[in-house]
């Protein structure tokens, strides 16, 4: 299973920490400017069965 979360505005500040997670794929949309409410990318996290 996986979980998708959008990166919106200041969520971009989380990117360095997200890059350190082994089961996470980061997808950035290449937008130059981050603004409140602007979708900047998303990440997909693999969720291991319990």
PDB file of N, CA and C in Angstrom:
ATOM      1  N   UNK A   1       0.839  -1.183   0.000  1.00  0.00           N
ATOM      2  CA  UNK A   1       0.000   0.000   0.000  1.00  0.00           C
ATOM      3  C   UNK A   1       0.882   1.243   0.000  1.00  0.00           C
ATOM      4  N   UNK A   2       0.274   2.364  -0.362  1.00  0.00           N
ATOM      5  CA  UNK A   2       1.010   3.623  -0.321  1.00  0.00           C
ATOM      6  C   UNK A   2       0.059   4.758   0.039  1.00  0.00           C
ATOM      7  N   UNK A   3       0.666   5.851   0.469  1.00  0.00           N
ATOM      8  CA  UNK A   3      -0.066   7.058   0.835  1.00  0.00           C
ATOM      9  C   UNK A   3       0.534   8.204   0.033  1.00  0.00           C
ATOM     10  N   UNK A   4      -0.316   9.034  -0.566  1.00  0.00           N
ATOM     11  CA  UNK A   4       0.125  10.201  -1.318  1.00  0.00           C
ATOM     12  C   UNK A   4      -0.262  11.443  -0.532  1.00  0.00           C
ATOM     13  N   UNK A   5       0.678  12.378  -0.399  1.00  0.00           N
ATOM     14  CA  UNK A   5       0.389  13.657   0.252  1.00  0.00           C
ATOM     15  C   UNK A   5       0.921  14.779  -0.621  1.00  0.00           C
ATOM     16  N   UNK A   6       0.147  15.834  -0.749  1.00  0.00           N
ATOM     17  CA  UNK A   6       0.564  17.006  -1.513  1.00  0.00           C
ATOM     18  C   UNK A   6       1.495  17.876  -0.679  1.00  0.00           C
ATOM     19  N   UNK A   7       2.391  18.565  -1.353  1.00  0.00           N
ATOM     20  CA  UNK A   7       3.239  19.579  -0.739  1.00  0.00           C
ATOM     21  C   UNK A   7       2.717  20.928  -1.204  1.00  0.00           C
ATOM     22  N   UNK A   8       2.194  21.699  -0.267  1.00  0.00           N
ATOM     23  CA  UNK A   8       1.553  22.974  -0.597  1.00  0.00           C
ATOM     24  C   UNK A   8       2.256  24.101   0.155  1.00  0.00           C
ATOM     25  N   UNK A   9       2.661  25.118  -0.580  1.00  0.00           N
ATOM     26  CA  UNK A   9       3.273  26.304   0.018  1.00  0.00           C
ATOM     27  C   UNK A   9       4.472  25.992   0.892  1.00  0.00           C
ATOM     28  N   UNK A  10       4.373  26.358   2.178  1.00  0.00           N
ATOM     29  CA  UNK A  10       5.487  26.195   3.111  1.00  0.00           C
ATOM     30  C   UNK A  10       5.799  24.742   3.451  1.00  0.00           C
ATOM     31  N   UNK A  11       5.004  23.796   2.968  1.00  0.00           N
ATOM     32  CA  UNK A  11       5.347  22.381   3.157  1.00  0.00           C
ATOM     33  C   UNK A  11       6.701  22.068   2.537  1.00  0.00           C
ATOM     34  N   UNK A  12       7.162  22.922   1.625  1.00  0.00           N
ATOM     35  CA  UNK A  12       8.459  22.704   0.982  1.00  0.00           C
ATOM     36  C   UNK A  12       9.597  22.718   2.001  1.00  0.00           C
ATOM     37  N   UNK A  13       9.360  23.311   3.163  1.00  0.00           N
ATOM     38  CA  UNK A  13      10.377  23.311   4.219  1.00  0.00           C
ATOM     39  C   UNK A  13      10.618  21.904   4.754  1.00  0.00           C
ATOM     40  N   UNK A  14       9.693  20.987   4.509  1.00  0.00           N
ATOM     41  CA  UNK A  14       9.812  19.600   4.962  1.00  0.00           C
ATOM     42  C   UNK A  14      10.682  18.752   4.030  1.00  0.00           C
ATOM     43  N   UNK A  15      11.006  19.247   2.859  1.00  0.00           N
ATOM     44  CA  UNK A  15      11.682  18.440   1.835  1.00  0.00           C
ATOM     45  C   UNK A  15      12.983  17.804   2.333  1.00  0.00           C
ATOM     46  N   UNK A  16      13.886  18.527   3.017  1.00  0.00           N
ATOM     47  CA  UNK A  16      15.122  17.865   3.470  1.00  0.00           C
ATOM     48  C   UNK A  16      14.852  16.641   4.359  1.00  0.00           C
ATOM     49  N   UNK A  17      13.905  16.737   5.255  1.00  0.00           N
ATOM     50  CA  UNK A  17      13.577  15.597   6.125  1.00  0.00           C
ATOM     51  C   UNK A  17      12.932  14.473   5.327  1.00  0.00           C
ATOM     52  N   UNK A  18      12.091  14.818   4.368  1.00  0.00           N
ATOM     53  CA  UNK A  18      11.434  13.793   3.554  1.00  0.00           C
ATOM     54  C   UNK A  18      12.443  13.006   2.728  1.00  0.00           C
ATOM     55  N   UNK A  19      13.474  13.684   2.234  1.00  0.00           N
ATOM     56  CA  UNK A  19      14.486  13.016   1.416  1.00  0.00           C
ATOM     57  C   UNK A  19      15.246  11.945   2.197  1.00  0.00           C
ATOM     58  N   UNK A  20      15.259  12.055   3.512  1.00  0.00           N
ATOM     59  CA  UNK A  20      15.970  11.087   4.350  1.00  0.00           C
ATOM     60  C   UNK A  20      15.162   9.816   4.597  1.00  0.00           C
ATOM     61  N   UNK A  21      13.886   9.816   4.248  1.00  0.00           N
ATOM     62  CA  UNK A  21      13.034   8.652   4.501  1.00  0.00           C
ATOM     63  C   UNK A  21      13.211   7.619   3.388  1.00  0.00           C
ATOM     64  N   UNK A  22      13.547   6.375   3.746  1.00  0.00           N
ATOM     65  CA  UNK A  22      13.860   5.367   2.729  1.00  0.00           C
ATOM     66  C   UNK A  22      12.663   4.889   1.897  1.00  0.00           C
ATOM     67  N   UNK A  23      11.466   4.900   2.452  1.00  0.00           N
ATOM     68  CA  UNK A  23      10.289   4.378   1.745  1.00  0.00           C
ATOM     69  C   UNK A  23       9.436   5.488   1.147  1.00  0.00           C
ATOM     70  N   UNK A  24      10.082   6.563   0.719  1.00  0.00           N
ATOM     71  CA  UNK A  24       9.357   7.730   0.236  1.00  0.00           C
ATOM     72  C   UNK A  24       9.897   8.152  -1.130  1.00  0.00           C
ATOM     73  N   UNK A  25       8.978   8.455  -2.040  1.00  0.00           N
ATOM     74  CA  UNK A  25       9.338   8.984  -3.363  1.00  0.00           C
ATOM     75  C   UNK A  25       8.816  10.415  -3.451  1.00  0.00           C
ATOM     76  N   UNK A  26       9.696  11.347  -3.763  1.00  0.00           N
ATOM     77  CA  UNK A  26       9.352  12.757  -3.819  1.00  0.00           C
ATOM     78  C   UNK A  26       9.187  13.183  -5.272  1.00  0.00           C
ATOM     79  N   UNK A  27       8.133  13.939  -5.557  1.00  0.00           N
ATOM     80  CA  UNK A  27       7.844  14.421  -6.910  1.00  0.00           C
ATOM     81  C   UNK A  27       7.615  15.933  -6.827  1.00  0.00           C
ATOM     82  N   UNK A  28       8.588  16.705  -7.303  1.00  0.00           N
ATOM     83  CA  UNK A  28       8.477  18.163  -7.293  1.00  0.00           C
ATOM     84  C   UNK A  28       8.110  18.644  -8.684  1.00  0.00           C
ATOM     85  N   UNK A  29       7.295  19.691  -8.757  1.00  0.00           N
ATOM     86  CA  UNK A  29       6.763  20.155 -10.032  1.00  0.00           C
ATOM     87  C   UNK A  29       7.594  21.250 -10.691  1.00  0.00           C
ATOM     88  N   UNK A  30       8.714  21.647 -10.090  1.00  0.00           N
ATOM     89  CA  UNK A  30       9.627  22.596 -10.718  1.00  0.00           C
ATOM     90  C   UNK A  30       9.157  24.040 -10.703  1.00  0.00           C
ATOM     91  N   UNK A  31       8.235  24.366  -9.832  1.00  0.00           N
ATOM     92  CA  UNK A  31       7.761  25.748  -9.747  1.00  0.00           C
ATOM     93  C   UNK A  31       8.792  26.580  -8.999  1.00  0.00           C
ATOM     94  N   UNK A  32       9.065  27.768  -9.497  1.00  0.00           N
ATOM     95  CA  UNK A  32      10.130  28.608  -8.948  1.00  0.00           C
ATOM     96  C   UNK A  32       9.756  29.249  -7.618  1.00  0.00           C
ATOM     97  N   UNK A  33       8.492  29.577  -7.429  1.00  0.00           N
ATOM     98  CA  UNK A  33       8.075  30.332  -6.252  1.00  0.00           C
ATOM     99  C   UNK A  33       7.046  29.559  -5.445  1.00  0.00           C
ATOM    100  N   UNK A  34       7.296  29.482  -4.149  1.00  0.00           N
ATOM    101  CA  UNK A  34       6.352  28.845  -3.233  1.00  0.00           C
ATOM    102  C   UNK A  34       5.442  29.919  -2.639  1.00  0.00           C
ATOM    103  N   UNK A  35       4.127  29.696  -2.712  1.00  0.00           N
ATOM    104  CA  UNK A  35       3.145  30.621  -2.131  1.00  0.00           C
ATOM    105  C   UNK A  35       2.137  29.813  -1.335  1.00  0.00           C
ATOM    106  N   UNK A  36       1.473  30.464  -0.411  1.00  0.00           N
ATOM    107  CA  UNK A  36       0.426  29.805   0.371  1.00  0.00           C
ATOM    108  C   UNK A  36      -0.640  29.265  -0.576  1.00  0.00           C
ATOM    109  N   UNK A  37      -0.988  27.999  -0.419  1.00  0.00           N
ATOM    110  CA  UNK A  37      -2.026  27.389  -1.231  1.00  0.00           C
ATOM    111  C   UNK A  37      -1.565  26.855  -2.578  1.00  0.00           C
ATOM    112  N   UNK A  38      -0.319  27.080  -2.947  1.00  0.00           N
ATOM    113  CA  UNK A  38       0.188  26.623  -4.254  1.00  0.00           C
ATOM    114  C   UNK A  38       0.747  25.204  -4.131  1.00  0.00           C
ATOM    115  N   UNK A  39       0.283  24.319  -4.995  1.00  0.00           N
ATOM    116  CA  UNK A  39       0.753  22.935  -4.988  1.00  0.00           C
ATOM    117  C   UNK A  39       2.131  22.882  -5.640  1.00  0.00           C
ATOM    118  N   UNK A  40       3.119  22.482  -4.838  1.00  0.00           N
ATOM    119  CA  UNK A  40       4.510  22.479  -5.280  1.00  0.00           C
ATOM    120  C   UNK A  40       5.001  21.091  -5.671  1.00  0.00           C
ATOM    121  N   UNK A  41       4.290  20.068  -5.228  1.00  0.00           N
ATOM    122  CA  UNK A  41       4.688  18.698  -5.518  1.00  0.00           C
ATOM    123  C   UNK A  41       3.900  17.745  -4.643  1.00  0.00           C
ATOM    124  N   UNK A  42       4.354  16.504  -4.601  1.00  0.00           N
ATOM    125  CA  UNK A  42       3.732  15.519  -3.717  1.00  0.00           C
ATOM    126  C   UNK A  42       4.749  14.442  -3.399  1.00  0.00           C
ATOM    127  N   UNK A  43       4.426  13.650  -2.386  1.00  0.00           N
ATOM    128  CA  UNK A  43       5.259  12.492  -2.108  1.00  0.00           C
ATOM    129  C   UNK A  43       4.379  11.280  -1.906  1.00  0.00           C
ATOM    130  N   UNK A  44       4.966  10.140  -2.230  1.00  0.00           N
ATOM    131  CA  UNK A  44       4.305   8.854  -2.070  1.00  0.00           C
ATOM    132  C   UNK A  44       5.127   8.054  -1.072  1.00  0.00           C
ATOM    133  N   UNK A  45       4.470   7.589  -0.023  1.00  0.00           N
ATOM    134  CA  UNK A  45       5.141   6.814   1.017  1.00  0.00           C
ATOM    135  C   UNK A  45       4.622   5.385   0.982  1.00  0.00           C
ATOM    136  N   UNK A  46       5.529   4.422   0.913  1.00  0.00           N
ATOM    137  CA  UNK A  46       5.134   3.020   0.994  1.00  0.00           C
ATOM    138  C   UNK A  46       4.779   2.691   2.437  1.00  0.00           C
ATOM    139  N   UNK A  47       3.661   2.003   2.608  1.00  0.00           N
ATOM    140  CA  UNK A  47       3.202   1.620   3.939  1.00  0.00           C
ATOM    141  C   UNK A  47       3.300   0.104   4.026  1.00  0.00           C
ATOM    142  N   UNK A  48       4.100  -0.350   4.946  1.00  0.00           N
ATOM    143  CA  UNK A  48       4.286  -1.793   5.108  1.00  0.00           C
ATOM    144  C   UNK A  48       3.116  -2.387   5.887  1.00  0.00           C
ATOM    145  N   UNK A  49       2.695  -3.596   5.509  1.00  0.00           N
ATOM    146  CA  UNK A  49       1.594  -4.251   6.237  1.00  0.00           C
ATOM    147  C   UNK A  49       1.958  -4.448   7.703  1.00  0.00           C
ATOM    148  N   UNK A  50       0.949  -4.343   8.548  1.00  0.00           N
ATOM    149  CA  UNK A  50       1.182  -4.515   9.995  1.00  0.00           C
ATOM    150  C   UNK A  50       1.169  -5.972  10.368  1.00  0.00           C
TER     151      UNK A  50
END
